[in-house]
Amino acid sequence: MIVVTGATGNIGRTLVPLLAEAGEDVVAVSRRPQSEELAADVRHAQADVGDSASMRPVLDGADAFFVLLGGELNSHGESPDALLGVALHAGVKRIVLLSSQINSTRPEALSHARLRDFEAAVRASGANFTILRPGGFASNAIAWAETVRAERTIFAPFGDVALPVVDPADIAAVAAVALREEGHAGRTYELTGPEAISPRRQAAVISQALGEEVAFVELSHEQAYAHMARFMPEEVIGGTLDILGIPLRAEQAISADVENVLRRPAKPFGEWVARNVPAFR
């Protein structure tokens, strides 16, 4: 049995069907009631990965466990040992943790201290573990959907700084392999897309997919900070703008890990746009 947390989110809604289609017994965990999107043969459990007591009955008898914290749980909550203790007591032998590339490129970043604590706890747990460290998500472009629909315009800072954003579907596919197959224990994978692409170029890809011109307006650092402050914790904004505006060479590098694990190239940004173009119409 494989337990997947964040099952209705950006990664989980692809990961759960991949596992189910491969014949796995999957338990899809979310804090919300059961989603109609889940297949009939997938069991749903309403629980909170940040509340180890609620996860105890869910994990009972599980062999593998996909851990995705998400949201506020990335910054505060129970000790990682509480959740991992419940998982190991339940019999979990394999753990796949979704972390972040920042933990390798900026290991002192305060915004990711809790994820580093989880990484350390998973490594020390005695379970077979795999740690996934994706870079920026291609799906972050969904934040532009409202202004694309209303004004056919994208507003973003650092228009010509390119980063190799990764398709969440590729993250899910790598997670599925690590949860099901041998050969990934003790490994840490950095997951990126196949090419570095700038916000201005992303806007052009969205424009092409829509068949309509989409303008690009570059925000100043101050304008971007004010915009992010509306939905992002203040302690995270500065680091995020540093990565977007003055990325380290390692953050612009293209990793081969997606291709090595999946035995196919990573998906380019255009493939994510093609699947999600209705959001921009």
C-alpha atoms as a PDB file:
ATOM      1  CA  MET A   1       0.000   0.000   0.000  1.00  0.00           C
ATOM      2  CA  ILE A   2       1.246   3.478  -0.898  1.00  0.00           C
ATOM      3  CA  VAL A   3       0.052   6.539   1.039  1.00  0.00           C
ATOM      4  CA  VAL A   4       0.199   9.857  -0.832  1.00  0.00           C
ATOM      5  CA  THR A   5      -0.178  13.151   1.019  1.00  0.00           C
ATOM      6  CA  GLY A   6      -1.159  16.305  -0.844  1.00  0.00           C
ATOM      7  CA  ALA A   7      -3.156  13.988  -3.072  1.00  0.00           C
ATOM      8  CA  THR A   8      -5.406  16.662  -4.582  1.00  0.00           C
ATOM      9  CA  GLY A   9      -2.662  19.226  -5.138  1.00  0.00           C
ATOM     10  CA  ASN A  10      -0.376  20.163  -7.977  1.00  0.00           C
ATOM     11  CA  ILE A  11       1.711  16.986  -7.801  1.00  0.00           C
ATOM     12  CA  GLY A  12      -0.605  14.564  -6.047  1.00  0.00           C
ATOM     13  CA  ARG A  13      -3.393  14.757  -8.608  1.00  0.00           C
ATOM     14  CA  THR A  14      -0.936  13.372 -11.173  1.00  0.00           C
ATOM     15  CA  LEU A  15       0.917  11.006  -8.844  1.00  0.00           C
ATOM     16  CA  VAL A  16      -2.165   9.199  -7.527  1.00  0.00           C
ATOM     17  CA  PRO A  17      -3.468   8.143 -10.990  1.00  0.00           C
ATOM     18  CA  LEU A  18       0.044   7.083 -12.057  1.00  0.00           C
ATOM     19  CA  LEU A  19       0.261   4.732  -9.097  1.00  0.00           C
ATOM     20  CA  ALA A  20      -3.294   3.460  -9.498  1.00  0.00           C
ATOM     21  CA  GLU A  21      -2.814   2.780 -13.205  1.00  0.00           C
ATOM     22  CA  ALA A  22       0.305   0.785 -12.328  1.00  0.00           C
ATOM     23  CA  GLY A  23      -1.854  -1.475 -10.165  1.00  0.00           C
ATOM     24  CA  GLU A  24      -0.822  -0.114  -6.780  1.00  0.00           C
ATOM     25  CA  ASP A  25      -3.111   0.030  -3.761  1.00  0.00           C
ATOM     26  CA  VAL A  26      -3.180   3.788  -3.175  1.00  0.00           C
ATOM     27  CA  VAL A  27      -4.526   5.834  -0.290  1.00  0.00           C
ATOM     28  CA  ALA A  28      -4.949   9.480  -1.311  1.00  0.00           C
ATOM     29  CA  VAL A  29      -4.681  11.812   1.688  1.00  0.00           C
ATOM     30  CA  SER A  30      -5.984  15.369   1.785  1.00  0.00           C
ATOM     31  CA  ARG A  31      -7.309  17.744   4.401  1.00  0.00           C
ATOM     32  CA  ARG A  32     -10.458  18.293   2.371  1.00  0.00           C
ATOM     33  CA  PRO A  33     -13.290  15.796   1.873  1.00  0.00           C
ATOM     34  CA  GLN A  34     -12.983  13.294  -0.940  1.00  0.00           C
ATOM     35  CA  SER A  35     -12.538  14.845  -4.371  1.00  0.00           C
ATOM     36  CA  GLU A  36     -14.661  13.756  -7.304  1.00  0.00           C
ATOM     37  CA  GLU A  37     -11.438  13.756  -9.342  1.00  0.00           C
ATOM     38  CA  LEU A  38     -10.230  10.568  -7.663  1.00  0.00           C
ATOM     39  CA  ALA A  39     -10.774   7.318  -9.522  1.00  0.00           C
ATOM     40  CA  ALA A  40     -13.297   4.912  -8.070  1.00  0.00           C
ATOM     41  CA  ASP A  41     -10.588   2.379  -7.176  1.00  0.00           C
ATOM     42  CA  VAL A  42      -8.525   4.886  -5.156  1.00  0.00           C
ATOM     43  CA  ARG A  43      -9.196   5.085  -1.447  1.00  0.00           C
ATOM     44  CA  HIS A  44      -9.373   8.546   0.100  1.00  0.00           C
ATOM     45  CA  ALA A  45      -8.458   9.490   3.660  1.00  0.00           C
ATOM     46  CA  GLN A  46      -9.192  12.876   5.165  1.00  0.00           C
ATOM     47  CA  ALA A  47      -6.208  13.607   7.390  1.00  0.00           C
ATOM     48  CA  ASP A  48      -3.513  16.220   7.933  1.00  0.00           C
ATOM     49  CA  VAL A  49       0.148  15.397   7.315  1.00  0.00           C
ATOM     50  CA  GLY A  50       0.918  18.087   9.891  1.00  0.00           C
ATOM     51  CA  ASP A  51      -1.008  16.133  12.554  1.00  0.00           C
ATOM     52  CA  SER A  52       0.735  12.817  13.112  1.00  0.00           C
ATOM     53  CA  ALA A  53      -2.135  11.473  15.239  1.00  0.00           C
ATOM     54  CA  SER A  54      -4.535  11.864  12.305  1.00  0.00           C
ATOM     55  CA  MET A  55      -2.062  10.002  10.051  1.00  0.00           C
ATOM     56  CA  ARG A  56      -1.743   6.969  12.354  1.00  0.00           C
ATOM     57  CA  PRO A  57      -4.778   5.005  11.042  1.00  0.00           C
ATOM     58  CA  VAL A  58      -4.029   6.086   7.468  1.00  0.00           C
ATOM     59  CA  LEU A  59      -0.486   4.701   7.545  1.00  0.00           C
ATOM     60  CA  ASP A  60      -1.346   1.427   9.231  1.00  0.00           C
ATOM     61  CA  GLY A  61      -0.101  -1.342   6.936  1.00  0.00           C
ATOM     62  CA  ALA A  62       1.485   0.995   4.399  1.00  0.00           C
ATOM     63  CA  ASP A  63       4.675  -0.011   2.603  1.00  0.00           C
ATOM     64  CA  ALA A  64       5.557   3.361   1.048  1.00  0.00           C
ATOM     65  CA  PHE A  65       4.821   6.978   1.935  1.00  0.00           C
ATOM     66  CA  PHE A  66       4.996  10.156  -0.159  1.00  0.00           C
ATOM     67  CA  VAL A  67       5.509  13.168   2.112  1.00  0.00           C
ATOM     68  CA  LEU A  68       4.485  16.590   0.839  1.00  0.00           C
ATOM     69  CA  LEU A  69       4.193  19.311   3.465  1.00  0.00           C
ATOM     70  CA  GLY A  70       2.877  22.285   1.505  1.00  0.00           C
ATOM     71  CA  GLY A  71       1.718  25.706   2.610  1.00  0.00           C
ATOM     72  CA  GLU A  72       2.287  26.746   6.193  1.00  0.00           C
ATOM     73  CA  LEU A  73       3.682  23.308   7.094  1.00  0.00           C
ATOM     74  CA  ASN A  74       6.859  24.253   5.231  1.00  0.00           C
ATOM     75  CA  SER A  75       7.590  26.827   7.932  1.00  0.00           C
ATOM     76  CA  HIS A  76       6.208  25.468  11.215  1.00  0.00           C
ATOM     77  CA  GLY A  77       4.514  22.500  12.841  1.00  0.00           C
ATOM     78  CA  GLU A  78       5.249  19.257  14.653  1.00  0.00           C
ATOM     79  CA  SER A  79       8.718  17.805  14.821  1.00  0.00           C
ATOM     80  CA  PRO A  80       9.496  15.665  11.761  1.00  0.00           C
ATOM     81  CA  ASP A  81      10.176  12.808  14.169  1.00  0.00           C
ATOM     82  CA  ALA A  82       6.494  12.736  15.178  1.00  0.00           C
ATOM     83  CA  LEU A  83       5.302  11.933  11.652  1.00  0.00           C
ATOM     84  CA  LEU A  84       8.193   9.624  10.826  1.00  0.00           C
ATOM     85  CA  GLY A  85       7.755   7.765  14.106  1.00  0.00           C
ATOM     86  CA  VAL A  86       4.128   7.044  13.254  1.00  0.00           C
ATOM     87  CA  ALA A  87       5.112   5.942   9.751  1.00  0.00           C
ATOM     88  CA  LEU A  88       7.853   3.575  10.904  1.00  0.00           C
ATOM     89  CA  HIS A  89       5.657   2.108  13.655  1.00  0.00           C
ATOM     90  CA  ALA A  90       2.990   1.442  11.019  1.00  0.00           C
ATOM     91  CA  GLY A  91       5.483  -0.573   8.967  1.00  0.00           C
ATOM     92  CA  VAL A  92       6.467   1.913   6.271  1.00  0.00           C
ATOM     93  CA  LYS A  93       9.683   0.794   4.573  1.00  0.00           C
ATOM     94  CA  ARG A  94      10.041   3.424   1.842  1.00  0.00           C
ATOM     95  CA  ILE A  95       9.689   7.205   2.133  1.00  0.00           C
ATOM     96  CA  VAL A  96       9.811   9.749  -0.686  1.00  0.00           C
ATOM     97  CA  LEU A  97      10.067  13.343   0.545  1.00  0.00           C
ATOM     98  CA  LEU A  98       9.333  16.381  -1.595  1.00  0.00           C
ATOM     99  CA  SER A  99      11.905  19.010  -0.653  1.00  0.00           C
ATOM    100  CA  SER A 100      13.415  21.890  -2.655  1.00  0.00           C
ATOM    101  CA  GLN A 101      16.476  22.645  -4.752  1.00  0.00           C
ATOM    102  CA  ILE A 102      17.152  25.581  -2.424  1.00  0.00           C
ATOM    103  CA  ASN A 103      18.364  23.112   0.191  1.00  0.00           C
ATOM    104  CA  SER A 104      21.346  22.353  -2.019  1.00  0.00           C
ATOM    105  CA  THR A 105      21.935  25.768  -3.602  1.00  0.00           C
ATOM    106  CA  ARG A 106      21.237  27.947  -0.532  1.00  0.00           C
ATOM    107  CA  PRO A 107      21.649  25.630   2.476  1.00  0.00           C
ATOM    108  CA  GLU A 108      21.423  28.477   4.999  1.00  0.00           C
ATOM    109  CA  ALA A 109      18.122  29.889   3.719  1.00  0.00           C
ATOM    110  CA  LEU A 110      15.862  30.437   6.735  1.00  0.00           C
ATOM    111  CA  SER A 111      12.749  29.938   4.626  1.00  0.00           C
ATOM    112  CA  HIS A 112      13.648  26.263   4.083  1.00  0.00           C
ATOM    113  CA  ALA A 113      14.976  25.341   7.521  1.00  0.00           C
ATOM    114  CA  ARG A 114      11.994  23.109   8.266  1.00  0.00           C
ATOM    115  CA  LEU A 115      12.402  21.209   5.018  1.00  0.00           C
ATOM    116  CA  ARG A 116      16.062  20.696   5.903  1.00  0.00           C
ATOM    117  CA  ASP A 117      14.945  19.306   9.269  1.00  0.00           C
ATOM    118  CA  PHE A 118      12.656  16.871   7.457  1.00  0.00           C
ATOM    119  CA  GLU A 119      15.468  15.854   5.119  1.00  0.00           C
ATOM    120  CA  ALA A 120      17.747  15.152   8.079  1.00  0.00           C
ATOM    121  CA  ALA A 121      15.049  13.183   9.899  1.00  0.00           C
ATOM    122  CA  VAL A 122      14.246  11.094   6.826  1.00  0.00           C
ATOM    123  CA  ARG A 123      17.933  10.305   6.311  1.00  0.00           C
ATOM    124  CA  ALA A 124      18.261   9.217   9.942  1.00  0.00           C
ATOM    125  CA  SER A 125      15.004   7.248  10.024  1.00  0.00           C
ATOM    126  CA  GLY A 126      16.388   3.901   8.898  1.00  0.00           C
ATOM    127  CA  ALA A 127      13.796   3.672   6.123  1.00  0.00           C
ATOM    128  CA  ASN A 128      14.689   3.470   2.454  1.00  0.00           C
ATOM    129  CA  PHE A 129      14.359   7.101   1.438  1.00  0.00           C
ATOM    130  CA  THR A 130      14.458   9.233  -1.682  1.00  0.00           C
ATOM    131  CA  ILE A 131      14.542  13.021  -1.530  1.00  0.00           C
ATOM    132  CA  LEU A 132      13.217  15.093  -4.437  1.00  0.00           C
ATOM    133  CA  ARG A 133      14.552  18.631  -4.802  1.00  0.00           C
ATOM    134  CA  PRO A 134      12.727  20.387  -7.645  1.00  0.00           C
ATOM    135  CA  GLY A 135      13.570  23.866  -8.834  1.00  0.00           C
ATOM    136  CA  GLY A 136      10.887  26.386  -9.764  1.00  0.00           C
ATOM    137  CA  PHE A 137       7.611  24.924 -11.012  1.00  0.00           C
ATOM    138  CA  ALA A 138       6.343  25.571 -14.532  1.00  0.00           C
ATOM    139  CA  SER A 139       2.910  25.789 -12.924  1.00  0.00           C
ATOM    140  CA  ASN A 140       3.881  28.998 -11.108  1.00  0.00           C
ATOM    141  CA  ALA A 141       2.837  30.643 -14.385  1.00  0.00           C
ATOM    142  CA  ILE A 142      -0.770  30.026 -13.381  1.00  0.00           C
ATOM    143  CA  ALA A 143      -0.378  33.174 -11.245  1.00  0.00           C
ATOM    144  CA  TRP A 144      -0.499  35.119 -14.510  1.00  0.00           C
ATOM    145  CA  ALA A 145      -3.766  33.574 -15.677  1.00  0.00           C
ATOM    146  CA  GLU A 146      -6.065  36.305 -14.334  1.00  0.00           C
ATOM    147  CA  THR A 147      -4.302  39.181 -16.085  1.00  0.00           C
ATOM    148  CA  VAL A 148      -3.873  37.134 -19.252  1.00  0.00           C
ATOM    149  CA  ARG A 149      -7.620  36.495 -19.341  1.00  0.00           C
ATOM    150  CA  ALA A 150      -8.560  40.073 -18.476  1.00  0.00           C
ATOM    151  CA  GLU A 151      -5.860  42.117 -20.204  1.00  0.00           C
ATOM    152  CA  ARG A 152      -3.818  39.710 -22.351  1.00  0.00           C
ATOM    153  CA  THR A 153      -0.830  40.923 -20.323  1.00  0.00           C
ATOM    154  CA  ILE A 154       1.732  39.277 -18.053  1.00  0.00           C
ATOM    155  CA  PHE A 155       3.352  41.308 -15.277  1.00  0.00           C
ATOM    156  CA  ALA A 156       6.554  39.852 -13.821  1.00  0.00           C
ATOM    157  CA  PRO A 157      10.010  40.944 -12.635  1.00  0.00           C
ATOM    158  CA  PHE A 158      13.363  40.011 -14.186  1.00  0.00           C
ATOM    159  CA  GLY A 159      11.945  39.442 -17.634  1.00  0.00           C
ATOM    160  CA  ASP A 160      15.125  38.101 -19.198  1.00  0.00           C
ATOM    161  CA  VAL A 161      16.491  35.948 -16.374  1.00  0.00           C
ATOM    162  CA  ALA A 162      16.085  32.310 -17.388  1.00  0.00           C
ATOM    163  CA  LEU A 163      15.552  29.357 -15.043  1.00  0.00           C
ATOM    164  CA  PRO A 164      14.919  25.678 -15.949  1.00  0.00           C
ATOM    165  CA  VAL A 165      11.396  25.396 -14.509  1.00  0.00           C
ATOM    166  CA  VAL A 166      10.138  21.848 -14.014  1.00  0.00           C
ATOM    167  CA  ASP A 167       6.746  20.450 -14.966  1.00  0.00           C
ATOM    168  CA  PRO A 168       4.961  19.132 -11.830  1.00  0.00           C
ATOM    169  CA  ALA A 169       3.933  16.123 -13.917  1.00  0.00           C
ATOM    170  CA  ASP A 170       7.606  15.171 -14.125  1.00  0.00           C
ATOM    171  CA  ILE A 171       7.982  15.507 -10.364  1.00  0.00           C
ATOM    172  CA  ALA A 172       5.008  13.178  -9.935  1.00  0.00           C
ATOM    173  CA  ALA A 173       6.440  10.696 -12.438  1.00  0.00           C
ATOM    174  CA  VAL A 174       9.807  10.590 -10.645  1.00  0.00           C
ATOM    175  CA  ALA A 175       8.011  10.161  -7.306  1.00  0.00           C
ATOM    176  CA  ALA A 176       6.002   7.257  -8.721  1.00  0.00           C
ATOM    177  CA  VAL A 177       9.170   5.483  -9.826  1.00  0.00           C
ATOM    178  CA  ALA A 178      10.908   6.062  -6.490  1.00  0.00           C
ATOM    179  CA  LEU A 179       7.853   4.775  -4.584  1.00  0.00           C
ATOM    180  CA  ARG A 180       7.513   1.612  -6.668  1.00  0.00           C
ATOM    181  CA  GLU A 181      10.932   0.564  -7.922  1.00  0.00           C
ATOM    182  CA  GLU A 182      14.243  -0.504  -6.453  1.00  0.00           C
ATOM    183  CA  GLY A 183      17.449   1.416  -7.033  1.00  0.00           C
ATOM    184  CA  HIS A 184      16.461   4.813  -5.619  1.00  0.00           C
ATOM    185  CA  ALA A 185      17.082   4.329  -1.898  1.00  0.00           C
ATOM    186  CA  GLY A 186      19.436   6.898  -0.420  1.00  0.00           C
ATOM    187  CA  ARG A 187      19.279   9.077  -3.523  1.00  0.00           C
ATOM    188  CA  THR A 188      18.612  12.807  -3.738  1.00  0.00           C
ATOM    189  CA  TYR A 189      17.340  14.006  -7.105  1.00  0.00           C
ATOM    190  CA  GLU A 190      17.433  17.595  -8.319  1.00  0.00           C
ATOM    191  CA  LEU A 191      14.556  18.024 -10.750  1.00  0.00           C
ATOM    192  CA  THR A 192      14.524  20.684 -13.450  1.00  0.00           C
ATOM    193  CA  GLY A 193      13.088  21.215 -16.890  1.00  0.00           C
ATOM    194  CA  PRO A 194      15.119  20.600 -20.059  1.00  0.00           C
ATOM    195  CA  GLU A 195      15.875  24.255 -20.745  1.00  0.00           C
ATOM    196  CA  ALA A 196      16.259  27.556 -18.968  1.00  0.00           C
ATOM    197  CA  ILE A 197      13.409  29.863 -19.947  1.00  0.00           C
ATOM    198  CA  SER A 198      12.821  33.493 -18.996  1.00  0.00           C
ATOM    199  CA  PRO A 199       9.478  35.041 -17.993  1.00  0.00           C
ATOM    200  CA  ARG A 200       9.457  37.002 -21.243  1.00  0.00           C
ATOM    201  CA  ARG A 201       9.922  33.789 -23.217  1.00  0.00           C
ATOM    202  CA  GLN A 202       7.252  32.047 -21.129  1.00  0.00           C
ATOM    203  CA  ALA A 203       4.867  34.834 -22.067  1.00  0.00           C
ATOM    204  CA  ALA A 204       5.657  34.213 -25.738  1.00  0.00           C
ATOM    205  CA  VAL A 205       4.918  30.495 -25.323  1.00  0.00           C
ATOM    206  CA  ILE A 206       1.558  31.269 -23.694  1.00  0.00           C
ATOM    207  CA  SER A 207       0.800  33.763 -26.478  1.00  0.00           C
ATOM    208  CA  GLN A 208       1.534  31.142 -29.130  1.00  0.00           C
ATOM    209  CA  ALA A 209      -0.660  28.564 -27.386  1.00  0.00           C
ATOM    210  CA  LEU A 210      -3.556  31.041 -27.241  1.00  0.00           C
ATOM    211  CA  GLY A 211      -3.057  32.209 -30.805  1.00  0.00           C
ATOM    212  CA  GLU A 212      -3.266  35.802 -29.529  1.00  0.00           C
ATOM    213  CA  GLU A 213      -0.717  38.406 -28.562  1.00  0.00           C
ATOM    214  CA  VAL A 214       0.107  38.515 -24.853  1.00  0.00           C
ATOM    215  CA  ALA A 215       2.079  41.576 -23.762  1.00  0.00           C
ATOM    216  CA  PHE A 216       4.860  41.343 -21.205  1.00  0.00           C
ATOM    217  CA  VAL A 217       5.360  44.142 -18.659  1.00  0.00           C
ATOM    218  CA  GLU A 218       8.449  43.946 -16.473  1.00  0.00           C
ATOM    219  CA  LEU A 219       7.915  44.839 -12.826  1.00  0.00           C
ATOM    220  CA  SER A 220      10.554  46.611 -10.783  1.00  0.00           C
ATOM    221  CA  HIS A 221      11.999  44.902  -7.723  1.00  0.00           C
ATOM    222  CA  GLU A 222       9.838  47.121  -5.507  1.00  0.00           C
ATOM    223  CA  GLN A 223       6.676  46.395  -7.478  1.00  0.00           C
ATOM    224  CA  ALA A 224       7.361  42.650  -7.366  1.00  0.00           C
ATOM    225  CA  TYR A 225       7.984  42.791  -3.611  1.00  0.00           C
ATOM    226  CA  ALA A 226       4.682  44.595  -3.013  1.00  0.00           C
ATOM    227  CA  HIS A 227       2.823  42.094  -5.179  1.00  0.00           C
ATOM    228  CA  MET A 228       4.340  39.049  -3.431  1.00  0.00           C
ATOM    229  CA  ALA A 229       3.616  40.533  -0.008  1.00  0.00           C
ATOM    230  CA  ARG A 230      -0.095  40.041  -0.682  1.00  0.00           C
ATOM    231  CA  PHE A 231       0.190  36.234  -0.580  1.00  0.00           C
ATOM    232  CA  MET A 232       3.704  35.266   0.569  1.00  0.00           C
ATOM    233  CA  PRO A 233       5.308  35.416   4.054  1.00  0.00           C
ATOM    234  CA  GLU A 234       7.670  38.377   4.313  1.00  0.00           C
ATOM    235  CA  GLU A 235      10.619  36.209   5.317  1.00  0.00           C
ATOM    236  CA  VAL A 236      10.321  34.288   2.045  1.00  0.00           C
ATOM    237  CA  ILE A 237       9.995  37.200  -0.380  1.00  0.00           C
ATOM    238  CA  GLY A 238      13.594  38.380  -0.359  1.00  0.00           C
ATOM    239  CA  GLY A 239      15.000  34.922  -1.039  1.00  0.00           C
ATOM    240  CA  THR A 240      12.473  34.306  -3.789  1.00  0.00           C
ATOM    241  CA  LEU A 241      13.370  37.556  -5.535  1.00  0.00           C
ATOM    242  CA  ASP A 242      17.070  36.693  -5.226  1.00  0.00           C
ATOM    243  CA  ILE A 243      16.504  33.395  -7.022  1.00  0.00           C
ATOM    244  CA  LEU A 244      14.352  34.995  -9.716  1.00  0.00           C
ATOM    245  CA  GLY A 245      16.619  37.988 -10.244  1.00  0.00           C
ATOM    246  CA  ILE A 246      20.174  36.933  -9.382  1.00  0.00           C
ATOM    247  CA  PRO A 247      20.118  33.128  -9.483  1.00  0.00           C
ATOM    248  CA  LEU A 248      23.215  31.142  -8.668  1.00  0.00           C
ATOM    249  CA  ARG A 249      24.806  29.211 -11.496  1.00  0.00           C
ATOM    250  CA  ALA A 250      23.568  25.977  -9.914  1.00  0.00           C
ATOM    251  CA  GLU A 251      19.998  27.299 -10.023  1.00  0.00           C
ATOM    252  CA  GLN A 252      20.272  27.927 -13.754  1.00  0.00           C
ATOM    253  CA  ALA A 253      21.867  24.549 -14.447  1.00  0.00           C
ATOM    254  CA  ILE A 254      19.868  21.799 -16.131  1.00  0.00           C
ATOM    255  CA  SER A 255      19.823  18.558 -14.160  1.00  0.00           C
ATOM    256  CA  ALA A 256      19.752  15.196 -15.908  1.00  0.00           C
ATOM    257  CA  ASP A 257      17.937  13.497 -13.009  1.00  0.00           C
ATOM    258  CA  VAL A 258      14.449  13.558 -14.556  1.00  0.00           C
ATOM    259  CA  GLU A 259      15.733  11.967 -17.754  1.00  0.00           C
ATOM    260  CA  ASN A 260      17.902   9.462 -15.880  1.00  0.00           C
ATOM    261  CA  VAL A 261      15.013   8.271 -13.695  1.00  0.00           C
ATOM    262  CA  LEU A 262      12.244   8.326 -16.314  1.00  0.00           C
ATOM    263  CA  ARG A 263      14.403   7.317 -19.296  1.00  0.00           C
ATOM    264  CA  ARG A 264      12.907  10.148 -21.330  1.00  0.00           C
ATOM    265  CA  PRO A 265      13.596  13.882 -21.539  1.00  0.00           C
ATOM    266  CA  ALA A 266      12.015  16.256 -19.071  1.00  0.00           C
ATOM    267  CA  LYS A 267       8.943  18.071 -20.376  1.00  0.00           C
ATOM    268  CA  PRO A 268       9.487  21.616 -21.688  1.00  0.00           C
ATOM    269  CA  PHE A 269       7.439  24.567 -20.462  1.00  0.00           C
ATOM    270  CA  GLY A 270       5.350  24.482 -23.635  1.00  0.00           C
ATOM    271  CA  GLU A 271       3.948  21.064 -22.749  1.00  0.00           C
ATOM    272  CA  TRP A 272       2.696  22.354 -19.414  1.00  0.00           C
ATOM    273  CA  VAL A 273       1.091  25.319 -21.189  1.00  0.00           C
ATOM    274  CA  ALA A 274      -0.554  23.071 -23.780  1.00  0.00           C
ATOM    275  CA  ARG A 275      -2.221  21.037 -21.014  1.00  0.00           C
ATOM    276  CA  ASN A 276      -3.334  24.133 -19.118  1.00  0.00           C
ATOM    277  CA  VAL A 277      -4.159  26.614 -21.865  1.00  0.00           C
ATOM    278  CA  PRO A 278      -7.874  26.802 -20.864  1.00  0.00           C
ATOM    279  CA  ALA A 279      -6.808  28.567 -17.685  1.00  0.00           C
ATOM    280  CA  PHE A 280      -5.500  31.478 -19.769  1.00  0.00           C
ATOM    281  CA  ARG A 281      -8.424  31.847 -22.170  1.00  0.00           C
END
